[in-house]
Amino acid sequence: MANYLNYTDLELAALLKDGDQRAYAEIFERYNRLLIKHTFQLLQNRDLAADIVQEVFLILWKKRDTITLHTSLSSYLYRAVRNKVFDTLSHQQVVSKYVESISHFMDEGRCITDDLVREKELIAIIEKEIKSLPPRMQEIFRLSRESELSYKEIGDQLNISDKTAKLQLHNALKILKVKIGGLLHFFL
């Protein structure tokens, strides 16, 4: 009987592709805690981190025969977790300080290709989350952040009180903070 502890990740991946459950169990043992720890650092929520990692392992098993590793097994798993984190965060909320941090990040003038790619990914995620806001809240958010209008100007333009504009913007920022909160640590 083979000792799976001595197999390399590459050997385990090949066995996994053939449906070897013991190889899958060994991969799980090697990476489960590390991936949960990594995910927890991103999300600051242990239960959510464990759920995400569990889902990644379930997908790994379900798609074992079609998965092609272009990098190492660990890289594949970390990338899968990262993508799951993105999916999870797209169902939560963000704060304006993160949008401002992106602006600051862009203003630093860092022109390294990786930074530009990360920046585009994060901007796309932020834009997606802004678009998921209720239409009126989204409009108020854009008028405040993109058109740089005051609460009074927004209220006059939309025929609402400046207090309503302020409350809607506050709520939008709370929603966006939750949705993109952990991303900056990951991207920056």
C-alpha atoms as a PDB file:
ATOM      1  CA  MET A   1       0.000   0.000   0.000  1.00  0.00           C
ATOM      2  CA  ALA A   2       1.422   3.376  -1.054  1.00  0.00           C
ATOM      3  CA  ASN A   3       2.283   6.055   1.477  1.00  0.00           C
ATOM      4  CA  TYR A   4       0.633   9.178   0.065  1.00  0.00           C
ATOM      5  CA  LEU A   5       2.592  11.401   2.438  1.00  0.00           C
ATOM      6  CA  ASN A   6       5.685  10.816   0.312  1.00  0.00           C
ATOM      7  CA  TYR A   7       4.033  11.744  -2.996  1.00  0.00           C
ATOM      8  CA  THR A   8       4.734  15.098  -4.564  1.00  0.00           C
ATOM      9  CA  ASP A   9       1.911  17.477  -5.374  1.00  0.00           C
ATOM     10  CA  LEU A  10       2.360  16.667  -9.043  1.00  0.00           C
ATOM     11  CA  GLU A  11       2.009  12.927  -8.380  1.00  0.00           C
ATOM     12  CA  LEU A  12      -1.042  13.521  -6.189  1.00  0.00           C
ATOM     13  CA  ALA A  13      -2.616  15.703  -8.884  1.00  0.00           C
ATOM     14  CA  ALA A  14      -2.123  12.941 -11.452  1.00  0.00           C
ATOM     15  CA  LEU A  15      -3.676  10.375  -9.096  1.00  0.00           C
ATOM     16  CA  LEU A  16      -6.529  12.750  -8.337  1.00  0.00           C
ATOM     17  CA  LYS A  17      -7.240  13.113 -12.046  1.00  0.00           C
ATOM     18  CA  ASP A  18      -7.658   9.322 -12.151  1.00  0.00           C
ATOM     19  CA  GLY A  19     -10.185   9.500  -9.290  1.00  0.00           C
ATOM     20  CA  ASP A  20      -7.918   8.351  -6.449  1.00  0.00           C
ATOM     21  CA  GLN A  21      -9.755   9.274  -3.239  1.00  0.00           C
ATOM     22  CA  ARG A  22      -6.697   8.785  -1.035  1.00  0.00           C
ATOM     23  CA  ALA A  23      -4.758  11.276  -3.189  1.00  0.00           C
ATOM     24  CA  TYR A  24      -7.628  13.725  -2.756  1.00  0.00           C
ATOM     25  CA  ALA A  25      -7.594  13.158   1.012  1.00  0.00           C
ATOM     26  CA  GLU A  26      -3.834  13.803   1.112  1.00  0.00           C
ATOM     27  CA  ILE A  27      -4.229  17.042  -0.877  1.00  0.00           C
ATOM     28  CA  PHE A  28      -6.946  18.075   1.545  1.00  0.00           C
ATOM     29  CA  GLU A  29      -4.729  17.325   4.556  1.00  0.00           C
ATOM     30  CA  ARG A  30      -1.801  19.260   3.069  1.00  0.00           C
ATOM     31  CA  TYR A  31      -3.680  22.394   2.118  1.00  0.00           C
ATOM     32  CA  ASN A  32      -6.912  22.713   4.073  1.00  0.00           C
ATOM     33  CA  ARG A  33      -5.496  24.543   7.118  1.00  0.00           C
ATOM     34  CA  LEU A  34      -3.165  26.721   5.034  1.00  0.00           C
ATOM     35  CA  LEU A  35      -5.974  27.788   2.730  1.00  0.00           C
ATOM     36  CA  ILE A  36      -8.327  28.520   5.621  1.00  0.00           C
ATOM     37  CA  LYS A  37      -5.644  30.620   7.311  1.00  0.00           C
ATOM     38  CA  HIS A  38      -4.971  32.508   4.077  1.00  0.00           C
ATOM     39  CA  THR A  39      -8.686  33.072   3.442  1.00  0.00           C
ATOM     40  CA  PHE A  40      -9.266  34.174   7.038  1.00  0.00           C
ATOM     41  CA  GLN A  41      -6.548  36.822   6.631  1.00  0.00           C
ATOM     42  CA  LEU A  42      -8.474  38.189   3.657  1.00  0.00           C
ATOM     43  CA  LEU A  43     -11.977  38.055   5.135  1.00  0.00           C
ATOM     44  CA  GLN A  44     -11.497  38.151   8.925  1.00  0.00           C
ATOM     45  CA  ASN A  45     -14.301  35.611   9.227  1.00  0.00           C
ATOM     46  CA  ARG A  46     -13.262  32.079  10.178  1.00  0.00           C
ATOM     47  CA  ASP A  47     -16.567  30.394   9.298  1.00  0.00           C
ATOM     48  CA  LEU A  48     -16.744  32.064   5.913  1.00  0.00           C
ATOM     49  CA  ALA A  49     -13.091  31.197   5.246  1.00  0.00           C
ATOM     50  CA  ALA A  50     -13.726  27.534   6.090  1.00  0.00           C
ATOM     51  CA  ASP A  51     -16.837  27.478   3.882  1.00  0.00           C
ATOM     52  CA  ILE A  52     -14.951  28.932   0.930  1.00  0.00           C
ATOM     53  CA  VAL A  53     -12.093  26.459   1.264  1.00  0.00           C
ATOM     54  CA  GLN A  54     -14.543  23.570   1.629  1.00  0.00           C
ATOM     55  CA  GLU A  55     -16.283  24.679  -1.556  1.00  0.00           C
ATOM     56  CA  VAL A  56     -12.958  24.854  -3.404  1.00  0.00           C
ATOM     57  CA  PHE A  57     -12.165  21.286  -2.356  1.00  0.00           C
ATOM     58  CA  LEU A  58     -15.604  20.104  -3.439  1.00  0.00           C
ATOM     59  CA  ILE A  59     -15.091  21.692  -6.842  1.00  0.00           C
ATOM     60  CA  LEU A  60     -11.624  20.138  -7.031  1.00  0.00           C
ATOM     61  CA  TRP A  61     -13.139  16.695  -6.543  1.00  0.00           C
ATOM     62  CA  LYS A  62     -16.072  17.258  -8.894  1.00  0.00           C
ATOM     63  CA  LYS A  63     -13.853  18.591 -11.686  1.00  0.00           C
ATOM     64  CA  ARG A  64     -10.868  16.338 -11.010  1.00  0.00           C
ATOM     65  CA  ASP A  65     -10.942  14.678 -14.407  1.00  0.00           C
ATOM     66  CA  THR A  66     -11.083  17.965 -16.344  1.00  0.00           C
ATOM     67  CA  ILE A  67      -8.641  20.076 -14.326  1.00  0.00           C
ATOM     68  CA  THR A  68      -5.382  20.835 -16.061  1.00  0.00           C
ATOM     69  CA  LEU A  69      -2.675  22.349 -13.897  1.00  0.00           C
ATOM     70  CA  HIS A  70      -0.654  25.016 -15.664  1.00  0.00           C
ATOM     71  CA  THR A  71       1.241  25.782 -12.466  1.00  0.00           C
ATOM     72  CA  SER A  72       1.760  23.972  -9.208  1.00  0.00           C
ATOM     73  CA  LEU A  73      -1.078  22.391  -7.263  1.00  0.00           C
ATOM     74  CA  SER A  74      -0.654  24.951  -4.480  1.00  0.00           C
ATOM     75  CA  SER A  75      -0.875  27.833  -6.984  1.00  0.00           C
ATOM     76  CA  TYR A  76      -4.017  26.318  -8.447  1.00  0.00           C
ATOM     77  CA  LEU A  77      -5.626  25.983  -5.000  1.00  0.00           C
ATOM     78  CA  TYR A  78      -4.676  29.502  -3.889  1.00  0.00           C
ATOM     79  CA  ARG A  79      -5.999  30.948  -7.163  1.00  0.00           C
ATOM     80  CA  ALA A  80      -9.234  28.962  -6.773  1.00  0.00           C
ATOM     81  CA  VAL A  81      -9.640  30.289  -3.233  1.00  0.00           C
ATOM     82  CA  ARG A  82      -8.920  33.838  -4.415  1.00  0.00           C
ATOM     83  CA  ASN A  83     -11.585  33.525  -7.101  1.00  0.00           C
ATOM     84  CA  LYS A  84     -14.068  32.142  -4.562  1.00  0.00           C
ATOM     85  CA  VAL A  85     -13.286  35.083  -2.265  1.00  0.00           C
ATOM     86  CA  PHE A  86     -14.056  37.450  -5.158  1.00  0.00           C
ATOM     87  CA  ASP A  87     -17.335  35.674  -5.791  1.00  0.00           C
ATOM     88  CA  THR A  88     -18.219  35.869  -2.106  1.00  0.00           C
ATOM     89  CA  LEU A  89     -17.296  39.517  -1.784  1.00  0.00           C
ATOM     90  CA  SER A  90     -19.372  40.378  -4.813  1.00  0.00           C
ATOM     91  CA  HIS A  91     -22.395  39.466  -2.668  1.00  0.00           C
ATOM     92  CA  GLN A  92     -21.406  41.763   0.237  1.00  0.00           C
ATOM     93  CA  GLN A  93     -20.515  45.614   0.638  1.00  0.00           C
ATOM     94  CA  VAL A  94     -17.687  48.536   0.382  1.00  0.00           C
ATOM     95  CA  VAL A  95     -16.607  51.885   1.891  1.00  0.00           C
ATOM     96  CA  SER A  96     -15.465  55.065   0.201  1.00  0.00           C
ATOM     97  CA  LYS A  97     -12.049  54.808   1.866  1.00  0.00           C
ATOM     98  CA  TYR A  98     -11.369  51.823  -0.367  1.00  0.00           C
ATOM     99  CA  VAL A  99     -12.363  53.757  -3.456  1.00  0.00           C
ATOM    100  CA  GLU A 100     -10.102  56.555  -2.224  1.00  0.00           C
ATOM    101  CA  SER A 101      -7.324  54.034  -1.616  1.00  0.00           C
ATOM    102  CA  ILE A 102      -7.597  52.919  -5.224  1.00  0.00           C
ATOM    103  CA  SER A 103      -7.379  56.542  -6.339  1.00  0.00           C
ATOM    104  CA  HIS A 104      -4.318  56.958  -4.135  1.00  0.00           C
ATOM    105  CA  PHE A 105      -2.899  53.734  -5.528  1.00  0.00           C
ATOM    106  CA  MET A 106      -3.378  55.010  -9.082  1.00  0.00           C
ATOM    107  CA  ASP A 107      -1.928  58.432  -8.190  1.00  0.00           C
ATOM    108  CA  GLU A 108       1.294  56.830  -6.963  1.00  0.00           C
ATOM    109  CA  GLY A 109       2.207  56.299 -10.602  1.00  0.00           C
ATOM    110  CA  ARG A 110       3.208  52.684 -10.214  1.00  0.00           C
ATOM    111  CA  CYS A 111       3.437  51.375 -13.746  1.00  0.00           C
ATOM    112  CA  ILE A 112       4.374  47.796 -13.053  1.00  0.00           C
ATOM    113  CA  THR A 113       2.322  45.423 -15.166  1.00  0.00           C
ATOM    114  CA  ASP A 114       1.103  43.402 -12.169  1.00  0.00           C
ATOM    115  CA  ASP A 115      -0.077  46.564 -10.452  1.00  0.00           C
ATOM    116  CA  LEU A 116      -1.980  47.659 -13.543  1.00  0.00           C
ATOM    117  CA  VAL A 117      -3.658  44.279 -13.873  1.00  0.00           C
ATOM    118  CA  ARG A 118      -4.618  44.256 -10.192  1.00  0.00           C
ATOM    119  CA  GLU A 119      -5.887  47.808 -10.488  1.00  0.00           C
ATOM    120  CA  LYS A 120      -8.099  46.947 -13.462  1.00  0.00           C
ATOM    121  CA  GLU A 121      -9.466  43.869 -11.681  1.00  0.00           C
ATOM    122  CA  LEU A 122     -10.274  45.845  -8.548  1.00  0.00           C
ATOM    123  CA  ILE A 123     -11.846  48.715 -10.476  1.00  0.00           C
ATOM    124  CA  ALA A 124     -14.009  46.219 -12.355  1.00  0.00           C
ATOM    125  CA  ILE A 125     -15.088  44.626  -9.061  1.00  0.00           C
ATOM    126  CA  ILE A 126     -15.854  48.018  -7.517  1.00  0.00           C
ATOM    127  CA  GLU A 127     -17.825  49.085 -10.598  1.00  0.00           C
ATOM    128  CA  LYS A 128     -19.780  45.827 -10.515  1.00  0.00           C
ATOM    129  CA  GLU A 129     -20.652  46.407  -6.864  1.00  0.00           C
ATOM    130  CA  ILE A 130     -21.669  50.014  -7.526  1.00  0.00           C
ATOM    131  CA  LYS A 131     -23.955  48.772 -10.320  1.00  0.00           C
ATOM    132  CA  SER A 132     -25.530  46.292  -7.892  1.00  0.00           C
ATOM    133  CA  LEU A 133     -26.707  49.127  -5.622  1.00  0.00           C
ATOM    134  CA  PRO A 134     -30.389  50.098  -5.878  1.00  0.00           C
ATOM    135  CA  PRO A 135     -30.821  52.546  -8.815  1.00  0.00           C
ATOM    136  CA  ARG A 136     -31.499  55.668  -6.726  1.00  0.00           C
ATOM    137  CA  MET A 137     -28.679  54.891  -4.295  1.00  0.00           C
ATOM    138  CA  GLN A 138     -26.344  54.242  -7.218  1.00  0.00           C
ATOM    139  CA  GLU A 139     -27.299  57.567  -8.788  1.00  0.00           C
ATOM    140  CA  ILE A 140     -26.650  59.442  -5.538  1.00  0.00           C
ATOM    141  CA  PHE A 141     -23.325  57.639  -5.068  1.00  0.00           C
ATOM    142  CA  ARG A 142     -22.185  58.549  -8.593  1.00  0.00           C
ATOM    143  CA  LEU A 143     -23.270  62.171  -8.241  1.00  0.00           C
ATOM    144  CA  SER A 144     -21.303  62.432  -5.008  1.00  0.00           C
ATOM    145  CA  ARG A 145     -18.168  60.535  -5.985  1.00  0.00           C
ATOM    146  CA  GLU A 146     -17.921  60.998  -9.737  1.00  0.00           C
ATOM    147  CA  SER A 147     -19.551  64.414 -10.214  1.00  0.00           C
ATOM    148  CA  GLU A 148     -18.353  65.625  -6.790  1.00  0.00           C
ATOM    149  CA  LEU A 149     -21.676  67.243  -5.927  1.00  0.00           C
ATOM    150  CA  SER A 150     -22.568  68.256  -2.373  1.00  0.00           C
ATOM    151  CA  TYR A 151     -25.552  66.767  -0.548  1.00  0.00           C
ATOM    152  CA  LYS A 152     -27.492  69.956  -1.261  1.00  0.00           C
ATOM    153  CA  GLU A 153     -26.619  69.894  -4.969  1.00  0.00           C
ATOM    154  CA  ILE A 154     -27.618  66.231  -5.177  1.00  0.00           C
ATOM    155  CA  GLY A 155     -30.867  66.963  -3.355  1.00  0.00           C
ATOM    156  CA  ASP A 156     -31.670  69.872  -5.667  1.00  0.00           C
ATOM    157  CA  GLN A 157     -30.869  67.833  -8.771  1.00  0.00           C
ATOM    158  CA  LEU A 158     -32.917  64.795  -7.684  1.00  0.00           C
ATOM    159  CA  ASN A 159     -35.656  66.739  -5.919  1.00  0.00           C
ATOM    160  CA  ILE A 160     -34.926  65.168  -2.522  1.00  0.00           C
ATOM    161  CA  SER A 161     -33.709  66.634   0.754  1.00  0.00           C
ATOM    162  CA  ASP A 162     -30.001  66.948   1.410  1.00  0.00           C
ATOM    163  CA  LYS A 163     -30.518  64.705   4.456  1.00  0.00           C
ATOM    164  CA  THR A 164     -31.965  61.980   2.221  1.00  0.00           C
ATOM    165  CA  ALA A 165     -28.994  62.345  -0.133  1.00  0.00           C
ATOM    166  CA  LYS A 166     -26.604  62.094   2.822  1.00  0.00           C
ATOM    167  CA  LEU A 167     -28.372  59.010   4.227  1.00  0.00           C
ATOM    168  CA  GLN A 168     -28.451  57.277   0.836  1.00  0.00           C
ATOM    169  CA  LEU A 169     -24.737  57.957   0.296  1.00  0.00           C
ATOM    170  CA  HIS A 170     -23.928  56.712   3.794  1.00  0.00           C
ATOM    171  CA  ASN A 171     -25.884  53.516   3.140  1.00  0.00           C
ATOM    172  CA  ALA A 172     -24.173  53.029  -0.228  1.00  0.00           C
ATOM    173  CA  LEU A 173     -20.752  53.336   1.399  1.00  0.00           C
ATOM    174  CA  LYS A 174     -21.691  50.838   4.111  1.00  0.00           C
ATOM    175  CA  ILE A 175     -22.854  48.352   1.485  1.00  0.00           C
ATOM    176  CA  LEU A 176     -19.747  48.814  -0.620  1.00  0.00           C
ATOM    177  CA  LYS A 177     -17.453  48.482   2.395  1.00  0.00           C
ATOM    178  CA  VAL A 178     -18.813  45.064   3.223  1.00  0.00           C
ATOM    179  CA  LYS A 179     -18.633  43.909  -0.391  1.00  0.00           C
ATOM    180  CA  ILE A 180     -15.062  44.965  -1.090  1.00  0.00           C
ATOM    181  CA  GLY A 181     -13.623  45.301   2.388  1.00  0.00           C
ATOM    182  CA  GLY A 182     -11.102  42.469   2.231  1.00  0.00           C
ATOM    183  CA  LEU A 183     -10.016  43.074  -1.326  1.00  0.00           C
ATOM    184  CA  LEU A 184      -7.548  45.868  -0.746  1.00  0.00           C
ATOM    185  CA  HIS A 185      -5.420  43.729   1.532  1.00  0.00           C
ATOM    186  CA  PHE A 186      -5.417  41.097  -1.177  1.00  0.00           C
ATOM    187  CA  PHE A 187      -4.656  43.508  -4.029  1.00  0.00           C
ATOM    188  CA  LEU A 188      -2.254  45.850  -2.287  1.00  0.00           C
END
